[in-house]
Protein backbone atom coordinates (compact mmCIF):
# COMPACT_ATOMS: atom_id res chain seq x y z
CA UNK A 1 -20.96 -23.14 37.05
CA UNK A 2 -17.50 -21.72 36.47
CA UNK A 3 -16.99 -24.14 33.54
CA UNK A 4 -20.27 -23.04 32.00
CA UNK A 5 -19.23 -19.39 32.16
CA UNK A 6 -15.83 -20.14 30.61
CA UNK A 7 -17.46 -22.22 27.86
CA UNK A 8 -19.94 -19.45 27.06
CA UNK A 9 -17.13 -16.88 26.98
CA UNK A 10 -15.19 -19.02 24.53
CA UNK A 11 -18.22 -19.51 22.30
CA UNK A 12 -19.11 -15.83 22.22
CA UNK A 13 -15.55 -14.65 21.74
CA UNK A 14 -15.02 -16.96 18.77
CA UNK A 15 -18.19 -15.94 16.94
CA UNK A 16 -17.83 -12.23 17.59
CA UNK A 17 -14.18 -11.78 16.78
CA UNK A 18 -13.01 -9.55 13.94
CA UNK A 19 -12.24 -11.56 10.80
CA UNK A 20 -8.57 -11.56 9.79
CA UNK A 21 -7.48 -9.21 7.06
CA UNK A 22 -6.85 -10.78 3.71
CA UNK A 23 -3.43 -9.92 2.35
CA UNK A 24 -1.08 -7.21 3.54
CA UNK A 25 -2.16 -3.60 3.97
CA UNK A 26 0.16 -1.05 2.41
CA UNK A 27 0.22 2.68 3.07
CA UNK A 28 -0.36 4.97 0.05
CA UNK A 29 0.46 8.17 1.95
CA UNK A 30 3.85 8.53 0.21
CA UNK A 31 2.33 8.35 -3.29
CA UNK A 32 2.10 12.14 -3.84
CA UNK A 33 5.74 12.65 -2.79
CA UNK A 34 6.83 9.70 -4.94
CA UNK A 35 5.08 11.10 -8.01
CA UNK A 36 6.50 14.61 -7.44
CA UNK A 37 9.99 13.13 -7.16
CA UNK A 38 9.54 10.98 -10.27
CA UNK A 39 8.40 14.04 -12.27
CA UNK A 40 11.27 16.15 -10.89
CA UNK A 41 13.71 13.58 -12.29
CA UNK A 42 11.83 13.38 -15.61
CA UNK A 43 10.84 9.74 -15.06
CA UNK A 44 8.12 8.36 -17.30
CA UNK A 45 6.54 6.65 -14.26
CA UNK A 46 5.61 10.06 -12.85
CA UNK A 47 3.55 11.09 -15.86
CA UNK A 48 -0.19 10.60 -16.35
CA UNK A 49 -1.35 7.40 -18.00
CA UNK A 50 -2.87 7.49 -21.49
CA UNK A 51 -6.39 7.35 -20.05
CA UNK A 52 -5.71 10.47 -17.95
CA UNK A 53 -5.14 8.67 -14.65
CA UNK A 54 -2.57 10.63 -12.66
CA UNK A 55 0.49 9.07 -11.11
CA UNK A 56 -0.96 9.82 -7.68
CA UNK A 57 -4.27 8.12 -8.52
CA UNK A 58 -2.57 5.07 -10.02
CA UNK A 59 -0.17 4.73 -7.11
CA UNK A 60 -2.86 5.12 -4.45
CA UNK A 61 -5.28 2.67 -6.07
CA UNK A 62 -2.55 0.13 -6.74
CA UNK A 63 -1.26 0.29 -3.17
CA UNK A 64 -4.78 0.12 -1.69
CA UNK A 65 -5.42 -2.98 -3.79
CA UNK A 66 -2.56 -4.77 -2.06
CA UNK A 67 0.42 -4.14 -4.33
CA UNK A 68 3.42 -2.61 -2.59
CA UNK A 69 4.93 -0.14 -5.05
CA UNK A 70 7.18 1.09 -2.25
CA UNK A 71 6.30 4.77 -2.82
CA UNK A 72 8.26 5.77 0.30
CA UNK A 73 11.38 4.52 -1.50
CA UNK A 74 10.49 6.27 -4.78
CA UNK A 75 9.91 9.52 -2.90
CA UNK A 76 13.61 9.49 -1.88
CA UNK A 77 15.07 8.06 -5.11
CA UNK A 78 17.88 10.16 -6.57
CA UNK A 79 17.24 9.06 -10.18
CA UNK A 80 14.82 7.17 -12.42
CA UNK A 81 17.06 4.12 -12.19
CA UNK A 82 16.94 4.28 -8.40
CA UNK A 83 13.13 4.58 -8.51
CA UNK A 84 12.99 1.52 -10.78
CA UNK A 85 15.02 -0.41 -8.22
CA UNK A 86 12.52 0.63 -5.52
CA UNK A 87 9.57 -0.88 -7.33
CA UNK A 88 11.58 -4.01 -8.11
CA UNK A 89 12.04 -4.49 -4.35
CA UNK A 90 15.79 -3.91 -4.31
């Protein structure tokens, strides 16, 4: 009887488990600060896109779609060159 209970627990736990996430999850919460900092330094990356998409919108959507722009790094960058190094992963 004990084996039957263990077997049933294994069966139910395997079919009811949460599916694994696909790809990494990145946090877009630093996007507004990153865009403010980019604009404060006069960086082109902080400006709106030609279609009117704001830096904040672009950053948030890009990060939520699984691309790590490293906005937390750009929010602290002391220059446009430093911000470019952030997004290059350096």
